[in-house]
Amino acid sequence: MASSEILFSLAIVSIVWGIVSAIVISSYVSQRGIKINILFFRIMVLKYIHQYHEMTRRERGRPGPWFYSYIISMNLALVLAIIGFIIRSR
């Protein structure tokens, strides 16, 4: 298996972890009374993440762990994909 394929596989795993984080975040804000729009979930997910950030910061004094989980996983997926493309183009 080429190193670029490994990096792309890791990027996909990071994206899946980001999706799991977004679902958990949406569940959290839903339990706090925010209505989740399932039809436009992909568009509204950033709004729910922001609401989660604000809610947990008010409740605990800092953002919740799922906020960081989402941010780190999506940034990691981006970096891994870019490195994979760079390696593949050589």
N, C-alpha and C. Protein backbone atom coordinates (compact mmCIF):
# COMPACT_ATOMS: atom_id res chain seq x y z
N MET A 1 0.85 -1.18 0.00
CA MET A 1 0.00 0.00 0.00
C MET A 1 0.89 1.24 0.00
N ALA A 2 0.62 2.14 -0.91
CA ALA A 2 1.42 3.35 -1.02
C ALA A 2 1.14 4.29 0.15
N SER A 3 2.11 5.12 0.46
CA SER A 3 1.95 6.02 1.60
C SER A 3 0.82 7.02 1.38
N SER A 4 0.58 7.42 0.14
CA SER A 4 -0.52 8.35 -0.11
C SER A 4 -1.87 7.68 0.16
N GLU A 5 -1.98 6.39 -0.15
CA GLU A 5 -3.22 5.66 0.13
C GLU A 5 -3.46 5.53 1.63
N ILE A 6 -2.40 5.34 2.38
CA ILE A 6 -2.52 5.27 3.84
C ILE A 6 -3.00 6.60 4.38
N LEU A 7 -2.43 7.68 3.86
CA LEU A 7 -2.85 9.01 4.32
C LEU A 7 -4.30 9.30 3.97
N PHE A 8 -4.72 8.89 2.78
CA PHE A 8 -6.13 9.09 2.39
C PHE A 8 -7.05 8.25 3.27
N SER A 9 -6.62 7.05 3.61
CA SER A 9 -7.42 6.21 4.51
C SER A 9 -7.56 6.84 5.89
N LEU A 10 -6.47 7.37 6.38
CA LEU A 10 -6.51 8.06 7.68
C LEU A 10 -7.38 9.32 7.62
N ALA A 11 -7.36 10.01 6.48
CA ALA A 11 -8.22 11.18 6.30
C ALA A 11 -9.69 10.78 6.34
N ILE A 12 -10.02 9.65 5.73
CA ILE A 12 -11.41 9.18 5.75
C ILE A 12 -11.83 8.80 7.17
N VAL A 13 -10.94 8.17 7.92
CA VAL A 13 -11.24 7.84 9.31
C VAL A 13 -11.47 9.12 10.11
N SER A 14 -10.68 10.14 9.86
CA SER A 14 -10.85 11.43 10.54
C SER A 14 -12.18 12.07 10.19
N ILE A 15 -12.59 11.96 8.94
CA ILE A 15 -13.88 12.51 8.53
C ILE A 15 -15.02 11.77 9.23
N VAL A 16 -14.92 10.46 9.31
CA VAL A 16 -15.95 9.68 10.00
C VAL A 16 -16.03 10.09 11.47
N TRP A 17 -14.87 10.28 12.10
CA TRP A 17 -14.87 10.72 13.50
C TRP A 17 -15.49 12.11 13.63
N GLY A 18 -15.26 12.98 12.68
CA GLY A 18 -15.88 14.30 12.69
C GLY A 18 -17.40 14.21 12.55
N ILE A 19 -17.86 13.28 11.73
CA ILE A 19 -19.30 13.08 11.56
C ILE A 19 -19.92 12.57 12.86
N VAL A 20 -19.24 11.63 13.50
CA VAL A 20 -19.72 11.13 14.80
C VAL A 20 -19.79 12.27 15.81
N SER A 21 -18.76 13.10 15.84
CA SER A 21 -18.74 14.24 16.75
C SER A 21 -19.90 15.19 16.47
N ALA A 22 -20.18 15.44 15.21
CA ALA A 22 -21.28 16.34 14.84
C ALA A 22 -22.63 15.75 15.27
N ILE A 23 -22.79 14.45 15.14
CA ILE A 23 -24.04 13.81 15.56
C ILE A 23 -24.21 13.90 17.08
N VAL A 24 -23.14 13.65 17.82
CA VAL A 24 -23.21 13.76 19.28
C VAL A 24 -23.51 15.19 19.70
N ILE A 25 -22.89 16.16 19.05
CA ILE A 25 -23.14 17.57 19.34
C ILE A 25 -24.59 17.91 19.06
N SER A 26 -25.12 17.44 17.96
CA SER A 26 -26.52 17.71 17.62
C SER A 26 -27.47 17.09 18.65
N SER A 27 -27.13 15.91 19.10
CA SER A 27 -27.93 15.27 20.15
C SER A 27 -27.91 16.10 21.43
N TYR A 28 -26.75 16.61 21.78
CA TYR A 28 -26.60 17.43 22.99
C TYR A 28 -27.46 18.69 22.91
N VAL A 29 -27.38 19.41 21.81
CA VAL A 29 -28.17 20.64 21.70
C VAL A 29 -29.65 20.33 21.59
N SER A 30 -30.00 19.20 21.01
CA SER A 30 -31.40 18.79 20.93
C SER A 30 -31.97 18.53 22.32
N GLN A 31 -31.18 17.90 23.18
CA GLN A 31 -31.61 17.65 24.55
C GLN A 31 -31.76 18.94 25.35
N ARG A 32 -31.11 19.99 24.91
CA ARG A 32 -31.20 21.28 25.59
C ARG A 32 -32.28 22.18 24.99
N GLY A 33 -33.11 21.63 24.09
CA GLY A 33 -34.26 22.37 23.59
C GLY A 33 -34.11 22.98 22.21
N ILE A 34 -32.99 22.78 21.56
CA ILE A 34 -32.80 23.31 20.20
C ILE A 34 -33.39 22.29 19.22
N LYS A 35 -34.27 22.75 18.33
CA LYS A 35 -34.87 21.86 17.34
C LYS A 35 -33.87 21.60 16.21
N ILE A 36 -33.62 20.33 15.92
CA ILE A 36 -32.68 19.93 14.89
C ILE A 36 -33.45 19.74 13.58
N ASN A 37 -32.99 20.37 12.54
CA ASN A 37 -33.59 20.24 11.22
C ASN A 37 -32.86 19.13 10.47
N ILE A 38 -33.48 17.95 10.43
CA ILE A 38 -32.85 16.79 9.81
C ILE A 38 -32.71 16.97 8.29
N LEU A 39 -33.68 17.61 7.68
CA LEU A 39 -33.66 17.80 6.24
C LEU A 39 -32.44 18.61 5.78
N PHE A 40 -32.11 19.67 6.54
CA PHE A 40 -30.98 20.53 6.20
C PHE A 40 -29.81 20.37 7.18
N PHE A 41 -29.63 19.17 7.69
CA PHE A 41 -28.61 18.94 8.71
C PHE A 41 -27.21 19.31 8.23
N ARG A 42 -26.88 18.94 7.00
CA ARG A 42 -25.53 19.23 6.50
C ARG A 42 -25.25 20.72 6.40
N ILE A 43 -26.28 21.50 6.16
CA ILE A 43 -26.12 22.95 6.09
C ILE A 43 -26.07 23.56 7.49
N MET A 44 -26.89 23.01 8.40
CA MET A 44 -27.06 23.60 9.72
C MET A 44 -26.05 23.09 10.76
N VAL A 45 -25.25 22.10 10.42
CA VAL A 45 -24.37 21.48 11.41
C VAL A 45 -23.41 22.49 12.05
N LEU A 46 -22.90 23.43 11.29
CA LEU A 46 -21.99 24.43 11.86
C LEU A 46 -22.70 25.31 12.87
N LYS A 47 -23.97 25.59 12.64
CA LYS A 47 -24.76 26.36 13.61
C LYS A 47 -24.91 25.57 14.91
N TYR A 48 -25.18 24.27 14.81
CA TYR A 48 -25.33 23.44 16.00
C TYR A 48 -24.02 23.33 16.76
N ILE A 49 -22.92 23.25 16.04
CA ILE A 49 -21.61 23.19 16.70
C ILE A 49 -21.34 24.49 17.44
N HIS A 50 -21.68 25.61 16.83
CA HIS A 50 -21.51 26.90 17.50
C HIS A 50 -22.40 26.99 18.74
N GLN A 51 -23.64 26.52 18.64
CA GLN A 51 -24.54 26.53 19.79
C GLN A 51 -24.01 25.64 20.91
N TYR A 52 -23.46 24.48 20.55
CA TYR A 52 -22.85 23.59 21.54
C TYR A 52 -21.68 24.29 22.23
N HIS A 53 -20.86 24.95 21.45
CA HIS A 53 -19.72 25.68 22.00
C HIS A 53 -20.19 26.72 23.02
N GLU A 54 -21.19 27.49 22.66
CA GLU A 54 -21.70 28.53 23.55
C GLU A 54 -22.36 27.94 24.79
N MET A 55 -23.16 26.89 24.62
CA MET A 55 -23.85 26.26 25.76
C MET A 55 -22.87 25.69 26.77
N THR A 56 -21.90 24.93 26.28
CA THR A 56 -20.95 24.30 27.20
C THR A 56 -20.03 25.34 27.83
N ARG A 57 -19.75 26.40 27.12
CA ARG A 57 -18.91 27.46 27.71
C ARG A 57 -19.65 28.16 28.84
N ARG A 58 -20.96 28.37 28.65
CA ARG A 58 -21.76 28.98 29.73
C ARG A 58 -21.90 28.03 30.91
N GLU A 59 -22.09 26.73 30.64
CA GLU A 59 -22.32 25.76 31.71
C GLU A 59 -21.04 25.40 32.47
N ARG A 60 -19.94 25.23 31.75
CA ARG A 60 -18.72 24.72 32.36
C ARG A 60 -17.56 25.70 32.40
N GLY A 61 -17.71 26.80 31.68
CA GLY A 61 -16.63 27.77 31.63
C GLY A 61 -15.66 27.55 30.48
N ARG A 62 -15.83 26.48 29.75
CA ARG A 62 -14.99 26.19 28.58
C ARG A 62 -15.79 25.33 27.61
N PRO A 63 -15.39 25.30 26.36
CA PRO A 63 -16.11 24.48 25.37
C PRO A 63 -16.04 23.00 25.73
N GLY A 64 -17.08 22.27 25.35
CA GLY A 64 -17.13 20.84 25.63
C GLY A 64 -16.14 20.05 24.79
N PRO A 65 -15.88 18.81 25.20
CA PRO A 65 -14.87 17.99 24.50
C PRO A 65 -15.25 17.62 23.07
N TRP A 66 -16.55 17.53 22.77
CA TRP A 66 -16.95 17.17 21.41
C TRP A 66 -16.67 18.29 20.42
N PHE A 67 -16.64 19.52 20.91
CA PHE A 67 -16.27 20.65 20.05
C PHE A 67 -14.84 20.48 19.55
N TYR A 68 -13.94 20.19 20.48
CA TYR A 68 -12.55 19.99 20.10
C TYR A 68 -12.38 18.73 19.25
N SER A 69 -13.16 17.70 19.55
CA SER A 69 -13.11 16.48 18.77
C SER A 69 -13.47 16.76 17.31
N TYR A 70 -14.51 17.55 17.08
CA TYR A 70 -14.91 17.89 15.72
C TYR A 70 -13.84 18.72 15.02
N ILE A 71 -13.37 19.77 15.68
CA ILE A 71 -12.38 20.67 15.08
C ILE A 71 -11.09 19.92 14.74
N ILE A 72 -10.60 19.14 15.67
CA ILE A 72 -9.34 18.42 15.44
C ILE A 72 -9.49 17.39 14.33
N SER A 73 -10.59 16.64 14.35
CA SER A 73 -10.76 15.59 13.33
C SER A 73 -10.87 16.16 11.93
N MET A 74 -11.59 17.25 11.78
CA MET A 74 -11.75 17.83 10.44
C MET A 74 -10.45 18.49 9.96
N ASN A 75 -9.74 19.15 10.85
CA ASN A 75 -8.46 19.73 10.46
C ASN A 75 -7.44 18.64 10.13
N LEU A 76 -7.45 17.56 10.90
CA LEU A 76 -6.55 16.45 10.62
C LEU A 76 -6.86 15.82 9.27
N ALA A 77 -8.13 15.66 8.95
CA ALA A 77 -8.51 15.11 7.64
C ALA A 77 -8.01 16.00 6.52
N LEU A 78 -8.14 17.31 6.68
CA LEU A 78 -7.66 18.24 5.66
C LEU A 78 -6.15 18.14 5.47
N VAL A 79 -5.42 18.14 6.57
CA VAL A 79 -3.95 18.06 6.49
C VAL A 79 -3.51 16.74 5.87
N LEU A 80 -4.11 15.64 6.29
CA LEU A 80 -3.74 14.34 5.74
C LEU A 80 -4.04 14.25 4.25
N ALA A 81 -5.17 14.79 3.83
CA ALA A 81 -5.51 14.77 2.40
C ALA A 81 -4.53 15.61 1.59
N ILE A 82 -4.18 16.77 2.09
CA ILE A 82 -3.23 17.64 1.37
C ILE A 82 -1.87 16.95 1.25
N ILE A 83 -1.41 16.36 2.34
CA ILE A 83 -0.11 15.66 2.30
C ILE A 83 -0.19 14.47 1.34
N GLY A 84 -1.32 13.77 1.34
CA GLY A 84 -1.51 12.65 0.42
C GLY A 84 -1.45 13.08 -1.04
N PHE A 85 -2.09 14.23 -1.34
CA PHE A 85 -2.04 14.75 -2.71
C PHE A 85 -0.62 15.17 -3.09
N ILE A 86 0.10 15.76 -2.16
CA ILE A 86 1.48 16.17 -2.45
C ILE A 86 2.35 14.96 -2.72
N ILE A 87 2.20 13.92 -1.91
CA ILE A 87 3.00 12.70 -2.11
C ILE A 87 2.64 12.02 -3.42
N ARG A 88 1.34 11.99 -3.75
CA ARG A 88 0.88 11.32 -4.97
C ARG A 88 1.38 12.05 -6.21
N SER A 89 1.48 13.38 -6.16
CA SER A 89 1.87 14.15 -7.34
C SER A 89 3.36 14.04 -7.65
N ARG A 90 4.13 13.52 -6.76
CA ARG A 90 5.58 13.40 -7.01
C ARG A 90 5.90 12.27 -7.90
